[in-house]
Amino acid sequence: MLMTIEHISIQHPFESFVDSLADRNLTCYASDLLEQQGCNNLQELSDAVKRATEVCNSMHVPLQENFKVVFRSRNGEVVQDWRLSRMAYLLTALNADSRNTFVAQLQVEMVKHMLNNA
C-alpha cells in the first residue's frame, strides 16, 4: 500500500522557542477547579474556560500565553483539559457558576481585595 504525505508541518526553531517560553507560564490545570469543587463537571469547566478566553480576546490578551489545550487521563479515560497561566486560572474560576460556593467566595474576595487596594 502506497501512502503519500501531502504536507508535513515542521516547526521553525524560533517558533518552538516562543512556544516553550509561553508554556513555562502555564502552571495550572483547569481541571484543578473540579478538584476544588469550583466546577461540578467537565461541561461547566469547558464553559468557564470559554468565557475566560472571551475576556482575554476582548482585552487583546494573547491566548497562546495563557491557555493551552492538553489531553490527560481521568478515571481511566482520556479527557480534554487546559494548561493555564495563573491569570487564566483565576479568570476561569471567576467565570464559573456563581451559585457555586467556591466561585462566589472567590468573587467576593477579589472585590474586597480591589476595594482595599483602591
PDB file of N, CA and C in Angstrom:
ATOM      1  N   MET A   1       0.850  -1.172   0.000  1.00  0.00           N
ATOM      2  CA  MET A   1       0.000   0.000   0.000  1.00  0.00           C
ATOM      3  C   MET A   1       0.894   1.233   0.000  1.00  0.00           C
ATOM      4  N   LEU A   2       0.651   2.122  -0.923  1.00  0.00           N
ATOM      5  CA  LEU A   2       1.436   3.341  -1.071  1.00  0.00           C
ATOM      6  C   LEU A   2       0.664   4.502  -0.465  1.00  0.00           C
ATOM      7  N   MET A   3       1.349   5.249   0.401  1.00  0.00           N
ATOM      8  CA  MET A   3       0.718   6.414   1.015  1.00  0.00           C
ATOM      9  C   MET A   3       1.592   7.625   0.731  1.00  0.00           C
ATOM     10  N   THR A   4       0.973   8.735   0.500  1.00  0.00           N
ATOM     11  CA  THR A   4       1.732   9.970   0.322  1.00  0.00           C
ATOM     12  C   THR A   4       1.339  10.954   1.404  1.00  0.00           C
ATOM     13  N   ILE A   5       2.283  11.749   1.763  1.00  0.00           N
ATOM     14  CA  ILE A   5       2.023  12.789   2.747  1.00  0.00           C
ATOM     15  C   ILE A   5       1.992  14.106   2.001  1.00  0.00           C
ATOM     16  N   GLU A   6       0.851  14.737   2.005  1.00  0.00           N
ATOM     17  CA  GLU A   6       0.660  15.985   1.265  1.00  0.00           C
ATOM     18  C   GLU A   6       1.474  17.131   1.847  1.00  0.00           C
ATOM     19  N   HIS A   7       1.394  17.249   3.161  1.00  0.00           N
ATOM     20  CA  HIS A   7       2.011  18.406   3.805  1.00  0.00           C
ATOM     21  C   HIS A   7       2.576  18.001   5.152  1.00  0.00           C
ATOM     22  N   ILE A   8       3.829  18.199   5.317  1.00  0.00           N
ATOM     23  CA  ILE A   8       4.445  17.934   6.607  1.00  0.00           C
ATOM     24  C   ILE A   8       4.772  19.272   7.234  1.00  0.00           C
ATOM     25  N   SER A   9       4.239  19.476   8.421  1.00  0.00           N
ATOM     26  CA  SER A   9       4.464  20.731   9.119  1.00  0.00           C
ATOM     27  C   SER A   9       5.680  20.575  10.032  1.00  0.00           C
ATOM     28  N   ILE A  10       6.715  21.313   9.727  1.00  0.00           N
ATOM     29  CA  ILE A  10       7.911  21.317  10.558  1.00  0.00           C
ATOM     30  C   ILE A  10       8.003  22.687  11.199  1.00  0.00           C
ATOM     31  N   GLN A  11       8.039  22.681  12.507  1.00  0.00           N
ATOM     32  CA  GLN A  11       8.053  23.945  13.225  1.00  0.00           C
ATOM     33  C   GLN A  11       9.455  24.548  13.197  1.00  0.00           C
ATOM     34  N   HIS A  12       9.496  25.791  12.889  1.00  0.00           N
ATOM     35  CA  HIS A  12      10.749  26.542  12.868  1.00  0.00           C
ATOM     36  C   HIS A  12      11.304  26.617  14.285  1.00  0.00           C
ATOM     37  N   PRO A  13      12.628  26.552  14.457  1.00  0.00           N
ATOM     38  CA  PRO A  13      13.197  26.601  15.815  1.00  0.00           C
ATOM     39  C   PRO A  13      12.779  27.830  16.615  1.00  0.00           C
ATOM     40  N   PHE A  14      12.640  28.966  15.952  1.00  0.00           N
ATOM     41  CA  PHE A  14      12.217  30.172  16.667  1.00  0.00           C
ATOM     42  C   PHE A  14      10.799  30.012  17.215  1.00  0.00           C
ATOM     43  N   GLU A  15       9.906  29.401  16.420  1.00  0.00           N
ATOM     44  CA  GLU A  15       8.530  29.171  16.876  1.00  0.00           C
ATOM     45  C   GLU A  15       8.522  28.211  18.068  1.00  0.00           C
ATOM     46  N   SER A  16       9.379  27.210  18.022  1.00  0.00           N
ATOM     47  CA  SER A  16       9.486  26.272  19.151  1.00  0.00           C
ATOM     48  C   SER A  16       9.947  26.997  20.408  1.00  0.00           C
ATOM     49  N   PHE A  17      10.902  27.901  20.240  1.00  0.00           N
ATOM     50  CA  PHE A  17      11.409  28.675  21.375  1.00  0.00           C
ATOM     51  C   PHE A  17      10.306  29.545  21.968  1.00  0.00           C
ATOM     52  N   VAL A  18       9.550  30.235  21.121  1.00  0.00           N
ATOM     53  CA  VAL A  18       8.450  31.098  21.585  1.00  0.00           C
ATOM     54  C   VAL A  18       7.392  30.251  22.298  1.00  0.00           C
ATOM     55  N   ASP A  19       7.075  29.079  21.740  1.00  0.00           N
ATOM     56  CA  ASP A  19       6.104  28.190  22.383  1.00  0.00           C
ATOM     57  C   ASP A  19       6.583  27.752  23.758  1.00  0.00           C
ATOM     58  N   SER A  20       7.862  27.418  23.866  1.00  0.00           N
ATOM     59  CA  SER A  20       8.374  26.964  25.155  1.00  0.00           C
ATOM     60  C   SER A  20       8.397  28.091  26.179  1.00  0.00           C
ATOM     61  N   LEU A  21       8.632  29.331  25.728  1.00  0.00           N
ATOM     62  CA  LEU A  21       8.554  30.468  26.648  1.00  0.00           C
ATOM     63  C   LEU A  21       7.140  30.650  27.166  1.00  0.00           C
ATOM     64  N   ALA A  22       6.166  30.537  26.269  1.00  0.00           N
ATOM     65  CA  ALA A  22       4.763  30.674  26.676  1.00  0.00           C
ATOM     66  C   ALA A  22       4.374  29.536  27.614  1.00  0.00           C
ATOM     67  N   ASP A  23       4.839  28.325  27.325  1.00  0.00           N
ATOM     68  CA  ASP A  23       4.476  27.158  28.136  1.00  0.00           C
ATOM     69  C   ASP A  23       4.965  27.253  29.574  1.00  0.00           C
ATOM     70  N   ARG A  24       6.065  27.929  29.799  1.00  0.00           N
ATOM     71  CA  ARG A  24       6.603  27.958  31.163  1.00  0.00           C
ATOM     72  C   ARG A  24       5.700  28.726  32.121  1.00  0.00           C
ATOM     73  N   ASN A  25       4.810  29.567  31.602  1.00  0.00           N
ATOM     74  CA  ASN A  25       3.865  30.303  32.447  1.00  0.00           C
ATOM     75  C   ASN A  25       2.553  29.549  32.655  1.00  0.00           C
ATOM     76  N   LEU A  26       2.404  28.434  31.978  1.00  0.00           N
ATOM     77  CA  LEU A  26       1.167  27.656  32.087  1.00  0.00           C
ATOM     78  C   LEU A  26       1.336  26.646  33.215  1.00  0.00           C
ATOM     79  N   THR A  27       1.139  27.111  34.438  1.00  0.00           N
ATOM     80  CA  THR A  27       1.472  26.319  35.625  1.00  0.00           C
ATOM     81  C   THR A  27       0.265  25.675  36.296  1.00  0.00           C
ATOM     82  N   CYS A  28      -0.928  25.933  35.797  1.00  0.00           N
ATOM     83  CA  CYS A  28      -2.147  25.396  36.413  1.00  0.00           C
ATOM     84  C   CYS A  28      -2.906  24.538  35.404  1.00  0.00           C
ATOM     85  N   TYR A  29      -3.725  23.661  35.911  1.00  0.00           N
ATOM     86  CA  TYR A  29      -4.650  22.901  35.063  1.00  0.00           C
ATOM     87  C   TYR A  29      -6.064  23.362  35.375  1.00  0.00           C
ATOM     88  N   ALA A  30      -6.862  23.518  34.340  1.00  0.00           N
ATOM     89  CA  ALA A  30      -8.260  23.904  34.539  1.00  0.00           C
ATOM     90  C   ALA A  30      -8.988  22.859  35.380  1.00  0.00           C
ATOM     91  N   SER A  31      -8.633  21.592  35.202  1.00  0.00           N
ATOM     92  CA  SER A  31      -9.313  20.523  35.947  1.00  0.00           C
ATOM     93  C   SER A  31      -9.100  20.634  37.454  1.00  0.00           C
ATOM     94  N   ASP A  32      -8.123  21.437  37.882  1.00  0.00           N
ATOM     95  CA  ASP A  32      -7.954  21.668  39.323  1.00  0.00           C
ATOM     96  C   ASP A  32      -9.216  22.278  39.922  1.00  0.00           C
ATOM     97  N   LEU A  33      -9.976  23.016  39.112  1.00  0.00           N
ATOM     98  CA  LEU A  33     -11.237  23.592  39.596  1.00  0.00           C
ATOM     99  C   LEU A  33     -12.251  22.498  39.923  1.00  0.00           C
ATOM    100  N   LEU A  34     -12.185  21.387  39.211  1.00  0.00           N
ATOM    101  CA  LEU A  34     -13.071  20.266  39.530  1.00  0.00           C
ATOM    102  C   LEU A  34     -12.705  19.706  40.903  1.00  0.00           C
ATOM    103  N   GLU A  35     -11.409  19.587  41.148  1.00  0.00           N
ATOM    104  CA  GLU A  35     -10.951  19.041  42.424  1.00  0.00           C
ATOM    105  C   GLU A  35     -11.268  19.982  43.585  1.00  0.00           C
ATOM    106  N   GLN A  36     -11.248  21.300  43.323  1.00  0.00           N
ATOM    107  CA  GLN A  36     -11.577  22.275  44.370  1.00  0.00           C
ATOM    108  C   GLN A  36     -13.077  22.528  44.427  1.00  0.00           C
ATOM    109  N   GLN A  37     -13.818  21.807  43.619  1.00  0.00           N
ATOM    110  CA  GLN A  37     -15.266  21.902  43.531  1.00  0.00           C
ATOM    111  C   GLN A  37     -15.734  23.276  43.077  1.00  0.00           C
ATOM    112  N   GLY A  38     -14.918  23.930  42.235  1.00  0.00           N
ATOM    113  CA  GLY A  38     -15.317  25.196  41.632  1.00  0.00           C
ATOM    114  C   GLY A  38     -16.193  24.973  40.417  1.00  0.00           C
ATOM    115  N   CYS A  39     -16.129  23.770  39.859  1.00  0.00           N
ATOM    116  CA  CYS A  39     -16.997  23.347  38.756  1.00  0.00           C
ATOM    117  C   CYS A  39     -17.481  21.940  39.085  1.00  0.00           C
ATOM    118  N   ASN A  40     -18.699  21.653  38.673  1.00  0.00           N
ATOM    119  CA  ASN A  40     -19.281  20.350  39.001  1.00  0.00           C
ATOM    120  C   ASN A  40     -18.965  19.263  37.987  1.00  0.00           C
ATOM    121  N   ASN A  41     -18.670  19.661  36.735  1.00  0.00           N
ATOM    122  CA  ASN A  41     -18.407  18.663  35.699  1.00  0.00           C
ATOM    123  C   ASN A  41     -17.580  19.286  34.573  1.00  0.00           C
ATOM    124  N   LEU A  42     -17.178  18.464  33.628  1.00  0.00           N
ATOM    125  CA  LEU A  42     -16.320  18.942  32.538  1.00  0.00           C
ATOM    126  C   LEU A  42     -17.015  19.971  31.647  1.00  0.00           C
ATOM    127  N   GLN A  43     -18.328  19.853  31.472  1.00  0.00           N
ATOM    128  CA  GLN A  43     -19.045  20.827  30.634  1.00  0.00           C
ATOM    129  C   GLN A  43     -19.042  22.207  31.283  1.00  0.00           C
ATOM    130  N   GLU A  44     -19.281  22.266  32.575  1.00  0.00           N
ATOM    131  CA  GLU A  44     -19.218  23.539  33.301  1.00  0.00           C
ATOM    132  C   GLU A  44     -17.825  24.142  33.206  1.00  0.00           C
ATOM    133  N   LEU A  45     -16.826  23.295  33.340  1.00  0.00           N
ATOM    134  CA  LEU A  45     -15.437  23.745  33.249  1.00  0.00           C
ATOM    135  C   LEU A  45     -15.141  24.286  31.858  1.00  0.00           C
ATOM    136  N   SER A  46     -15.587  23.565  30.847  1.00  0.00           N
ATOM    137  CA  SER A  46     -15.383  23.998  29.466  1.00  0.00           C
ATOM    138  C   SER A  46     -16.048  25.347  29.207  1.00  0.00           C
ATOM    139  N   ASP A  47     -17.245  25.537  29.736  1.00  0.00           N
ATOM    140  CA  ASP A  47     -17.951  26.813  29.578  1.00  0.00           C
ATOM    141  C   ASP A  47     -17.200  27.952  30.264  1.00  0.00           C
ATOM    142  N   ALA A  48     -16.652  27.683  31.449  1.00  0.00           N
ATOM    143  CA  ALA A  48     -15.897  28.703  32.188  1.00  0.00           C
ATOM    144  C   ALA A  48     -14.625  29.079  31.435  1.00  0.00           C
ATOM    145  N   VAL A  49     -13.932  28.085  30.871  1.00  0.00           N
ATOM    146  CA  VAL A  49     -12.722  28.361  30.081  1.00  0.00           C
ATOM    147  C   VAL A  49     -13.085  29.187  28.856  1.00  0.00           C
ATOM    148  N   LYS A  50     -14.189  28.849  28.205  1.00  0.00           N
ATOM    149  CA  LYS A  50     -14.625  29.602  27.021  1.00  0.00           C
ATOM    150  C   LYS A  50     -14.873  31.070  27.380  1.00  0.00           C
ATOM    151  N   ARG A  51     -15.564  31.315  28.481  1.00  0.00           N
ATOM    152  CA  ARG A  51     -15.825  32.698  28.895  1.00  0.00           C
ATOM    153  C   ARG A  51     -14.523  33.415  29.248  1.00  0.00           C
ATOM    154  N   ALA A  52     -13.588  32.711  29.883  1.00  0.00           N
ATOM    155  CA  ALA A  52     -12.287  33.313  30.222  1.00  0.00           C
ATOM    156  C   ALA A  52     -11.513  33.681  28.949  1.00  0.00           C
ATOM    157  N   THR A  53     -11.570  32.830  27.927  1.00  0.00           N
ATOM    158  CA  THR A  53     -10.884  33.166  26.670  1.00  0.00           C
ATOM    159  C   THR A  53     -11.556  34.351  25.983  1.00  0.00           C
ATOM    160  N   GLU A  54     -12.869  34.468  26.135  1.00  0.00           N
ATOM    161  CA  GLU A  54     -13.576  35.619  25.560  1.00  0.00           C
ATOM    162  C   GLU A  54     -13.140  36.913  26.243  1.00  0.00           C
ATOM    163  N   VAL A  55     -12.922  36.854  27.552  1.00  0.00           N
ATOM    164  CA  VAL A  55     -12.420  38.019  28.292  1.00  0.00           C
ATOM    165  C   VAL A  55     -11.054  38.417  27.726  1.00  0.00           C
ATOM    166  N   CYS A  56     -10.188  37.435  27.571  1.00  0.00           N
ATOM    167  CA  CYS A  56      -8.844  37.718  27.042  1.00  0.00           C
ATOM    168  C   CYS A  56      -8.912  38.282  25.628  1.00  0.00           C
ATOM    169  N   ASN A  57      -9.772  37.710  24.799  1.00  0.00           N
ATOM    170  CA  ASN A  57      -9.919  38.233  23.430  1.00  0.00           C
ATOM    171  C   ASN A  57     -10.378  39.680  23.434  1.00  0.00           C
ATOM    172  N   SER A  58     -11.359  40.011  24.303  1.00  0.00           N
ATOM    173  CA  SER A  58     -11.842  41.402  24.320  1.00  0.00           C
ATOM    174  C   SER A  58     -10.793  42.380  24.798  1.00  0.00           C
ATOM    175  N   MET A  59      -9.878  41.901  25.647  1.00  0.00           N
ATOM    176  CA  MET A  59      -8.824  42.770  26.177  1.00  0.00           C
ATOM    177  C   MET A  59      -7.512  42.633  25.402  1.00  0.00           C
ATOM    178  N   HIS A  60      -7.542  41.868  24.319  1.00  0.00           N
ATOM    179  CA  HIS A  60      -6.359  41.654  23.460  1.00  0.00           C
ATOM    180  C   HIS A  60      -5.197  41.032  24.226  1.00  0.00           C
ATOM    181  N   VAL A  61      -5.531  40.129  25.140  1.00  0.00           N
ATOM    182  CA  VAL A  61      -4.528  39.373  25.880  1.00  0.00           C
ATOM    183  C   VAL A  61      -4.248  38.106  25.070  1.00  0.00           C
ATOM    184  N   PRO A  62      -2.995  37.830  24.747  1.00  0.00           N
ATOM    185  CA  PRO A  62      -2.677  36.668  23.897  1.00  0.00           C
ATOM    186  C   PRO A  62      -3.102  35.341  24.528  1.00  0.00           C
ATOM    187  N   LEU A  63      -3.920  34.604  23.808  1.00  0.00           N
ATOM    188  CA  LEU A  63      -4.392  33.315  24.311  1.00  0.00           C
ATOM    189  C   LEU A  63      -3.250  32.315  24.443  1.00  0.00           C
ATOM    190  N   GLN A  64      -2.324  32.320  23.499  1.00  0.00           N
ATOM    191  CA  GLN A  64      -1.224  31.355  23.490  1.00  0.00           C
ATOM    192  C   GLN A  64      -0.397  31.434  24.771  1.00  0.00           C
ATOM    193  N   GLU A  65      -0.327  32.605  25.362  1.00  0.00           N
ATOM    194  CA  GLU A  65       0.460  32.778  26.586  1.00  0.00           C
ATOM    195  C   GLU A  65      -0.308  32.402  27.847  1.00  0.00           C
ATOM    196  N   ASN A  66      -1.601  32.095  27.701  1.00  0.00           N
ATOM    197  CA  ASN A  66      -2.436  31.862  28.873  1.00  0.00           C
ATOM    198  C   ASN A  66      -3.252  30.576  28.858  1.00  0.00           C
ATOM    199  N   PHE A  67      -3.477  30.001  27.693  1.00  0.00           N
ATOM    200  CA  PHE A  67      -4.309  28.798  27.566  1.00  0.00           C
ATOM    201  C   PHE A  67      -3.657  27.815  26.601  1.00  0.00           C
ATOM    202  N   LYS A  68      -3.686  26.549  26.950  1.00  0.00           N
ATOM    203  CA  LYS A  68      -3.204  25.520  26.030  1.00  0.00           C
ATOM    204  C   LYS A  68      -4.027  24.262  26.251  1.00  0.00           C
ATOM    205  N   VAL A  69      -4.628  23.762  25.187  1.00  0.00           N
ATOM    206  CA  VAL A  69      -5.404  22.529  25.274  1.00  0.00           C
ATOM    207  C   VAL A  69      -4.432  21.359  25.426  1.00  0.00           C
ATOM    208  N   VAL A  70      -4.729  20.497  26.375  1.00  0.00           N
ATOM    209  CA  VAL A  70      -3.956  19.272  26.588  1.00  0.00           C
ATOM    210  C   VAL A  70      -4.949  18.125  26.811  1.00  0.00           C
ATOM    211  N   PHE A  71      -4.456  16.925  26.715  1.00  0.00           N
ATOM    212  CA  PHE A  71      -5.287  15.752  26.976  1.00  0.00           C
ATOM    213  C   PHE A  71      -4.647  14.970  28.112  1.00  0.00           C
ATOM    214  N   ARG A  72      -5.477  14.595  29.083  1.00  0.00           N
ATOM    215  CA  ARG A  72      -4.991  13.894  30.275  1.00  0.00           C
ATOM    216  C   ARG A  72      -5.876  12.696  30.574  1.00  0.00           C
ATOM    217  N   SER A  73      -5.347  11.821  31.354  1.00  0.00           N
ATOM    218  CA  SER A  73      -6.116  10.659  31.787  1.00  0.00           C
ATOM    219  C   SER A  73      -6.907  11.040  33.038  1.00  0.00           C
ATOM    220  N   ARG A  74      -8.176  10.724  33.025  1.00  0.00           N
ATOM    221  CA  ARG A  74      -9.035  10.988  34.189  1.00  0.00           C
ATOM    222  C   ARG A  74      -9.966   9.795  34.357  1.00  0.00           C
ATOM    223  N   ASN A  75      -9.842   9.112  35.464  1.00  0.00           N
ATOM    224  CA  ASN A  75     -10.654   7.919  35.750  1.00  0.00           C
ATOM    225  C   ASN A  75     -10.583   6.901  34.608  1.00  0.00           C
ATOM    226  N   GLY A  76      -9.387   6.697  34.072  1.00  0.00           N
ATOM    227  CA  GLY A  76      -9.198   5.706  33.015  1.00  0.00           C
ATOM    228  C   GLY A  76      -9.601   6.160  31.621  1.00  0.00           C
ATOM    229  N   GLU A  77     -10.029   7.401  31.481  1.00  0.00           N
ATOM    230  CA  GLU A  77     -10.407   7.948  30.172  1.00  0.00           C
ATOM    231  C   GLU A  77      -9.471   9.083  29.810  1.00  0.00           C
ATOM    232  N   VAL A  78      -9.299   9.305  28.520  1.00  0.00           N
ATOM    233  CA  VAL A  78      -8.533  10.459  28.071  1.00  0.00           C
ATOM    234  C   VAL A  78      -9.531  11.603  27.874  1.00  0.00           C
ATOM    235  N   VAL A  79      -9.298  12.706  28.581  1.00  0.00           N
ATOM    236  CA  VAL A  79     -10.211  13.850  28.517  1.00  0.00           C
ATOM    237  C   VAL A  79      -9.431  15.116  28.190  1.00  0.00           C
ATOM    238  N   GLN A  80     -10.141  16.063  27.626  1.00  0.00           N
ATOM    239  CA  GLN A  80      -9.533  17.362  27.330  1.00  0.00           C
ATOM    240  C   GLN A  80      -9.396  18.168  28.614  1.00  0.00           C
ATOM    241  N   ASP A  81      -8.277  18.833  28.733  1.00  0.00           N
ATOM    242  CA  ASP A  81      -8.016  19.719  29.853  1.00  0.00           C
ATOM    243  C   ASP A  81      -7.318  20.941  29.266  1.00  0.00           C
ATOM    244  N   TRP A  82      -6.976  21.881  30.112  1.00  0.00           N
ATOM    245  CA  TRP A  82      -6.263  23.075  29.664  1.00  0.00           C
ATOM    246  C   TRP A  82      -5.159  23.368  30.646  1.00  0.00           C
ATOM    247  N   ARG A  83      -3.984  23.695  30.129  1.00  0.00           N
ATOM    248  CA  ARG A  83      -2.928  24.257  30.972  1.00  0.00           C
ATOM    249  C   ARG A  83      -3.143  25.756  30.930  1.00  0.00           C
ATOM    250  N   LEU A  84      -3.089  26.377  32.098  1.00  0.00           N
ATOM    251  CA  LEU A  84      -3.428  27.794  32.203  1.00  0.00           C
ATOM    252  C   LEU A  84      -2.342  28.566  32.939  1.00  0.00           C
ATOM    253  N   SER A  85      -2.226  29.836  32.587  1.00  0.00           N
ATOM    254  CA  SER A  85      -1.415  30.740  33.400  1.00  0.00           C
ATOM    255  C   SER A  85      -2.213  31.010  34.678  1.00  0.00           C
ATOM    256  N   ARG A  86      -1.570  31.604  35.660  1.00  0.00           N
ATOM    257  CA  ARG A  86      -2.289  31.934  36.900  1.00  0.00           C
ATOM    258  C   ARG A  86      -3.443  32.892  36.613  1.00  0.00           C
ATOM    259  N   MET A  87      -3.213  33.865  35.717  1.00  0.00           N
ATOM    260  CA  MET A  87      -4.275  34.804  35.374  1.00  0.00           C
ATOM    261  C   MET A  87      -5.445  34.072  34.710  1.00  0.00           C
ATOM    262  N   ALA A  88      -5.148  33.179  33.779  1.00  0.00           N
ATOM    263  CA  ALA A  88      -6.203  32.437  33.081  1.00  0.00           C
ATOM    264  C   ALA A  88      -6.958  31.536  34.063  1.00  0.00           C
ATOM    265  N   TYR A  89      -6.241  30.968  35.030  1.00  0.00           N
ATOM    266  CA  TYR A  89      -6.892  30.123  36.031  1.00  0.00           C
ATOM    267  C   TYR A  89      -7.894  30.942  36.837  1.00  0.00           C
ATOM    268  N   LEU A  90      -7.467  32.129  37.290  1.00  0.00           N
ATOM    269  CA  LEU A  90      -8.383  32.976  38.063  1.00  0.00           C
ATOM    270  C   LEU A  90      -9.556  33.453  37.212  1.00  0.00           C
ATOM    271  N   LEU A  91      -9.288  33.819  35.958  1.00  0.00           N
ATOM    272  CA  LEU A  91     -10.384  34.221  35.067  1.00  0.00           C
ATOM    273  C   LEU A  91     -11.368  33.071  34.864  1.00  0.00           C
ATOM    274  N   THR A  92     -10.848  31.868  34.722  1.00  0.00           N
ATOM    275  CA  THR A  92     -11.725  30.705  34.556  1.00  0.00           C
ATOM    276  C   THR A  92     -12.561  30.501  35.811  1.00  0.00           C
ATOM    277  N   ALA A  93     -11.933  30.574  36.975  1.00  0.00           N
ATOM    278  CA  ALA A  93     -12.667  30.407  38.232  1.00  0.00           C
ATOM    279  C   ALA A  93     -13.725  31.495  38.395  1.00  0.00           C
ATOM    280  N   LEU A  94     -13.365  32.732  38.068  1.00  0.00           N
ATOM    281  CA  LEU A  94     -14.312  33.840  38.196  1.00  0.00           C
ATOM    282  C   LEU A  94     -15.478  33.725  37.220  1.00  0.00           C
ATOM    283  N   ASN A  95     -15.262  33.008  36.125  1.00  0.00           N
ATOM    284  CA  ASN A  95     -16.307  32.849  35.114  1.00  0.00           C
ATOM    285  C   ASN A  95     -17.069  31.540  35.231  1.00  0.00           C
ATOM    286  N   ALA A  96     -16.839  30.805  36.306  1.00  0.00           N
ATOM    287  CA  ALA A  96     -17.609  29.585  36.560  1.00  0.00           C
ATOM    288  C   ALA A  96     -18.956  29.972  37.189  1.00  0.00           C
ATOM    289  N   ASP A  97     -19.750  28.998  37.511  1.00  0.00           N
ATOM    290  CA  ASP A  97     -21.104  29.222  38.032  1.00  0.00           C
ATOM    291  C   ASP A  97     -21.045  29.931  39.389  1.00  0.00           C
ATOM    292  N   SER A  98     -21.578  31.145  39.450  1.00  0.00           N
ATOM    293  CA  SER A  98     -21.505  31.947  40.681  1.00  0.00           C
ATOM    294  C   SER A  98     -22.394  31.406  41.799  1.00  0.00           C
ATOM    295  N   ARG A  99     -23.245  30.434  41.509  1.00  0.00           N
ATOM    296  CA  ARG A  99     -24.040  29.796  42.569  1.00  0.00           C
ATOM    297  C   ARG A  99     -23.192  28.799  43.353  1.00  0.00           C
ATOM    298  N   ASN A 100     -22.020  28.496  42.813  1.00  0.00           N
ATOM    299  CA  ASN A 100     -21.088  27.592  43.479  1.00  0.00           C
ATOM    300  C   ASN A 100     -20.392  28.349  44.607  1.00  0.00           C
ATOM    301  N   THR A 101     -20.342  27.765  45.791  1.00  0.00           N
ATOM    302  CA  THR A 101     -19.770  28.435  46.967  1.00  0.00           C
ATOM    303  C   THR A 101     -18.314  28.844  46.741  1.00  0.00           C
ATOM    304  N   PHE A 102     -17.512  27.951  46.174  1.00  0.00           N
ATOM    305  CA  PHE A 102     -16.100  28.261  45.915  1.00  0.00           C
ATOM    306  C   PHE A 102     -15.969  29.478  45.002  1.00  0.00           C
ATOM    307  N   VAL A 103     -16.755  29.509  43.932  1.00  0.00           N
ATOM    308  CA  VAL A 103     -16.704  30.603  42.957  1.00  0.00           C
ATOM    309  C   VAL A 103     -17.201  31.901  43.582  1.00  0.00           C
ATOM    310  N   ALA A 104     -18.318  31.846  44.288  1.00  0.00           N
ATOM    311  CA  ALA A 104     -18.871  33.040  44.932  1.00  0.00           C
ATOM    312  C   ALA A 104     -17.887  33.617  45.942  1.00  0.00           C
ATOM    313  N   GLN A 105     -17.258  32.739  46.714  1.00  0.00           N
ATOM    314  CA  GLN A 105     -16.284  33.181  47.705  1.00  0.00           C
ATOM    315  C   GLN A 105     -15.087  33.861  47.024  1.00  0.00           C
ATOM    316  N   LEU A 106     -14.620  33.282  45.925  1.00  0.00           N
ATOM    317  CA  LEU A 106     -13.511  33.869  45.170  1.00  0.00           C
ATOM    318  C   LEU A 106     -13.899  35.245  44.629  1.00  0.00           C
ATOM    319  N   GLN A 107     -15.106  35.377  44.101  1.00  0.00           N
ATOM    320  CA  GLN A 107     -15.561  36.652  43.566  1.00  0.00           C
ATOM    321  C   GLN A 107     -15.600  37.719  44.657  1.00  0.00           C
ATOM    322  N   VAL A 108     -16.130  37.370  45.813  1.00  0.00           N
ATOM    323  CA  VAL A 108     -16.203  38.329  46.927  1.00  0.00           C
ATOM    324  C   VAL A 108     -14.798  38.720  47.386  1.00  0.00           C
ATOM    325  N   GLU A 109     -13.905  37.737  47.509  1.00  0.00           N
ATOM    326  CA  GLU A 109     -12.526  38.027  47.927  1.00  0.00           C
ATOM    327  C   GLU A 109     -11.820  38.937  46.924  1.00  0.00           C
ATOM    328  N   MET A 110     -12.050  38.727  45.640  1.00  0.00           N
ATOM    329  CA  MET A 110     -11.425  39.576  44.612  1.00  0.00           C
ATOM    330  C   MET A 110     -11.944  41.017  44.720  1.00  0.00           C
ATOM    331  N   VAL A 111     -13.236  41.180  44.935  1.00  0.00           N
ATOM    332  CA  VAL A 111     -13.806  42.519  45.071  1.00  0.00           C
ATOM    333  C   VAL A 111     -13.260  43.197  46.317  1.00  0.00           C
ATOM    334  N   LYS A 112     -13.214  42.464  47.436  1.00  0.00           N
ATOM    335  CA  LYS A 112     -12.662  43.033  48.672  1.00  0.00           C
ATOM    336  C   LYS A 112     -11.214  43.464  48.457  1.00  0.00           C
ATOM    337  N   HIS A 113     -10.439  42.626  47.797  1.00  0.00           N
ATOM    338  CA  HIS A 113      -9.029  42.935  47.522  1.00  0.00           C
ATOM    339  C   HIS A 113      -8.911  44.205  46.681  1.00  0.00           C
ATOM    340  N   MET A 114      -9.749  44.305  45.652  1.00  0.00           N
ATOM    341  CA  MET A 114      -9.717  45.504  44.787  1.00  0.00           C
ATOM    342  C   MET A 114     -10.110  46.754  45.578  1.00  0.00           C
ATOM    343  N   LEU A 115     -11.109  46.652  46.424  1.00  0.00           N
ATOM    344  CA  LEU A 115     -11.546  47.814  47.212  1.00  0.00           C
ATOM    345  C   LEU A 115     -10.500  48.233  48.232  1.00  0.00           C
ATOM    346  N   ASN A 116      -9.817  47.280  48.819  1.00  0.00           N
ATOM    347  CA  ASN A 116      -8.767  47.600  49.790  1.00  0.00           C
ATOM    348  C   ASN A 116      -7.542  48.231  49.140  1.00  0.00           C
ATOM    349  N   ASN A 117      -7.319  47.951  47.873  1.00  0.00           N
ATOM    350  CA  ASN A 117      -6.159  48.486  47.172  1.00  0.00           C
ATOM    351  C   ASN A 117      -6.484  49.716  46.335  1.00  0.00           C
ATOM    352  N   ALA A 118      -7.722  50.175  46.426  1.00  0.00           N
ATOM    353  CA  ALA A 118      -8.148  51.335  45.615  1.00  0.00           C
ATOM    354  C   ALA A 118      -7.750  52.640  46.279  1.00  0.00           C
TER     355      ALA A 118
END
